[in-house]
């Protein structure tokens, strides 16, 4: 019985970890897209 509970808890923690990893990955990709858009929209200020 304890082994079943341990397994279920372990799977739940793994699921949360995977969800967090996916969310962090999405934020990183979104950040890159926003950064690229900002680079295009905002002049560098180097006079070119």
N, C-alpha and C. Protein backbone atom coordinates (compact mmCIF):
# COMPACT_ATOMS: atom_id res chain seq x y z
N UNK A 1 0.83 -1.20 0.00
CA UNK A 1 0.00 0.00 0.00
C UNK A 1 0.87 1.25 0.00
N UNK A 2 1.92 1.26 0.81
CA UNK A 2 2.80 2.43 0.88
C UNK A 2 3.52 2.64 -0.45
N UNK A 3 3.91 1.55 -1.09
CA UNK A 3 4.60 1.65 -2.37
C UNK A 3 3.70 2.30 -3.42
N UNK A 4 2.42 1.97 -3.40
CA UNK A 4 1.48 2.55 -4.36
C UNK A 4 1.35 4.05 -4.14
N UNK A 5 1.26 4.46 -2.88
CA UNK A 5 1.16 5.88 -2.55
C UNK A 5 2.43 6.60 -2.97
N UNK A 6 3.58 5.99 -2.68
CA UNK A 6 4.87 6.60 -3.07
C UNK A 6 4.94 6.77 -4.59
N UNK A 7 4.51 5.77 -5.33
CA UNK A 7 4.54 5.84 -6.79
C UNK A 7 3.62 6.94 -7.30
N UNK A 8 2.42 7.00 -6.74
CA UNK A 8 1.46 8.02 -7.16
C UNK A 8 2.01 9.42 -6.86
N UNK A 9 2.59 9.58 -5.69
CA UNK A 9 3.16 10.88 -5.32
C UNK A 9 4.33 11.22 -6.24
N UNK A 10 5.15 10.25 -6.54
CA UNK A 10 6.28 10.47 -7.43
C UNK A 10 5.83 10.87 -8.83
N UNK A 11 4.79 10.22 -9.32
CA UNK A 11 4.26 10.57 -10.64
C UNK A 11 3.64 11.96 -10.64
N UNK A 12 2.98 12.31 -9.55
CA UNK A 12 2.38 13.65 -9.46
C UNK A 12 3.46 14.71 -9.47
N UNK A 13 4.52 14.49 -8.72
CA UNK A 13 5.63 15.45 -8.69
C UNK A 13 6.28 15.54 -10.07
N UNK A 14 6.47 14.40 -10.72
CA UNK A 14 7.06 14.41 -12.07
C UNK A 14 6.17 15.18 -13.04
N UNK A 15 4.86 14.99 -12.93
CA UNK A 15 3.93 15.70 -13.80
C UNK A 15 4.00 17.19 -13.59
N UNK A 16 4.09 17.61 -12.35
CA UNK A 16 4.21 19.05 -12.05
C UNK A 16 5.53 19.58 -12.60
N UNK A 17 6.58 18.81 -12.45
CA UNK A 17 7.88 19.22 -12.98
C UNK A 17 7.85 19.38 -14.49
N UNK A 18 7.21 18.43 -15.17
CA UNK A 18 7.11 18.51 -16.63
C UNK A 18 6.29 19.71 -17.06
N UNK A 19 5.20 19.96 -16.34
CA UNK A 19 4.36 21.11 -16.66
C UNK A 19 5.13 22.40 -16.45
N UNK A 20 5.90 22.46 -15.38
CA UNK A 20 6.70 23.65 -15.11
C UNK A 20 7.76 23.84 -16.19
N UNK A 21 8.41 22.74 -16.58
CA UNK A 21 9.42 22.82 -17.65
C UNK A 21 8.79 23.33 -18.95
N UNK A 22 7.60 22.85 -19.26
CA UNK A 22 6.92 23.28 -20.49
C UNK A 22 6.58 24.76 -20.41
N UNK A 23 6.10 25.20 -19.24
CA UNK A 23 5.75 26.61 -19.08
C UNK A 23 6.98 27.49 -19.19
N UNK A 24 8.08 27.06 -18.57
CA UNK A 24 9.32 27.85 -18.64
C UNK A 24 9.83 27.90 -20.07
N UNK A 25 9.76 26.79 -20.78
CA UNK A 25 10.17 26.77 -22.18
C UNK A 25 9.33 27.71 -23.03
N UNK A 26 8.03 27.74 -22.78
CA UNK A 26 7.14 28.64 -23.52
C UNK A 26 7.48 30.09 -23.23
N UNK A 27 7.75 30.40 -21.98
CA UNK A 27 8.12 31.77 -21.61
C UNK A 27 9.42 32.16 -22.29
N UNK A 28 10.37 31.26 -22.34
CA UNK A 28 11.66 31.57 -22.99
C UNK A 28 11.45 31.84 -24.48
N UNK A 29 10.64 31.00 -25.15
CA UNK A 29 10.38 31.21 -26.57
C UNK A 29 9.65 32.52 -26.80
N UNK A 30 8.68 32.81 -25.96
CA UNK A 30 7.93 34.06 -26.08
C UNK A 30 8.85 35.25 -25.86
N UNK A 31 9.72 35.14 -24.89
CA UNK A 31 10.68 36.21 -24.61
C UNK A 31 11.60 36.45 -25.80
N UNK A 32 12.04 35.38 -26.44
CA UNK A 32 12.89 35.53 -27.63
C UNK A 32 12.14 36.24 -28.75
N UNK A 33 10.86 35.87 -28.93
CA UNK A 33 10.06 36.49 -29.99
C UNK A 33 9.84 37.97 -29.69
N UNK A 34 9.55 38.29 -28.44
CA UNK A 34 9.35 39.69 -28.06
C UNK A 34 10.65 40.46 -28.23
N UNK A 35 11.75 39.86 -27.83
CA UNK A 35 13.05 40.51 -27.99
C UNK A 35 13.38 40.78 -29.45
N UNK A 36 13.09 39.82 -30.32
CA UNK A 36 13.36 40.00 -31.74
C UNK A 36 12.48 41.11 -32.31
N UNK A 37 11.21 41.15 -31.90
CA UNK A 37 10.30 42.19 -32.37
C UNK A 37 10.77 43.56 -31.89
N UNK A 38 11.23 43.63 -30.65
CA UNK A 38 11.71 44.89 -30.10
C UNK A 38 12.97 45.33 -30.84
N UNK A 39 13.84 44.39 -31.18
CA UNK A 39 15.05 44.73 -31.94
C UNK A 39 14.70 45.34 -33.29
N UNK A 40 13.65 44.83 -33.91
CA UNK A 40 13.24 45.36 -35.21
C UNK A 40 12.59 46.75 -35.06
N UNK A 41 11.82 46.92 -33.99
CA UNK A 41 11.03 48.14 -33.84
C UNK A 41 11.81 49.30 -33.24
N UNK A 42 12.79 48.99 -32.39
CA UNK A 42 13.51 50.04 -31.68
C UNK A 42 14.87 50.26 -32.36
N UNK A 43 15.16 51.48 -32.78
CA UNK A 43 16.46 51.74 -33.39
C UNK A 43 17.60 51.46 -32.42
N UNK A 44 18.72 51.04 -32.95
CA UNK A 44 19.88 50.72 -32.12
C UNK A 44 20.46 51.98 -31.46
N UNK A 45 20.27 53.11 -32.08
CA UNK A 45 20.83 54.33 -31.53
C UNK A 45 22.28 54.53 -31.92
N UNK A 46 22.74 53.79 -32.93
CA UNK A 46 24.13 53.94 -33.36
C UNK A 46 24.24 54.86 -34.59
N UNK A 47 23.14 55.52 -34.93
CA UNK A 47 23.17 56.50 -36.01
C UNK A 47 22.96 55.93 -37.39
N UNK A 48 22.67 54.65 -37.50
CA UNK A 48 22.48 54.06 -38.83
C UNK A 48 21.04 54.11 -39.25
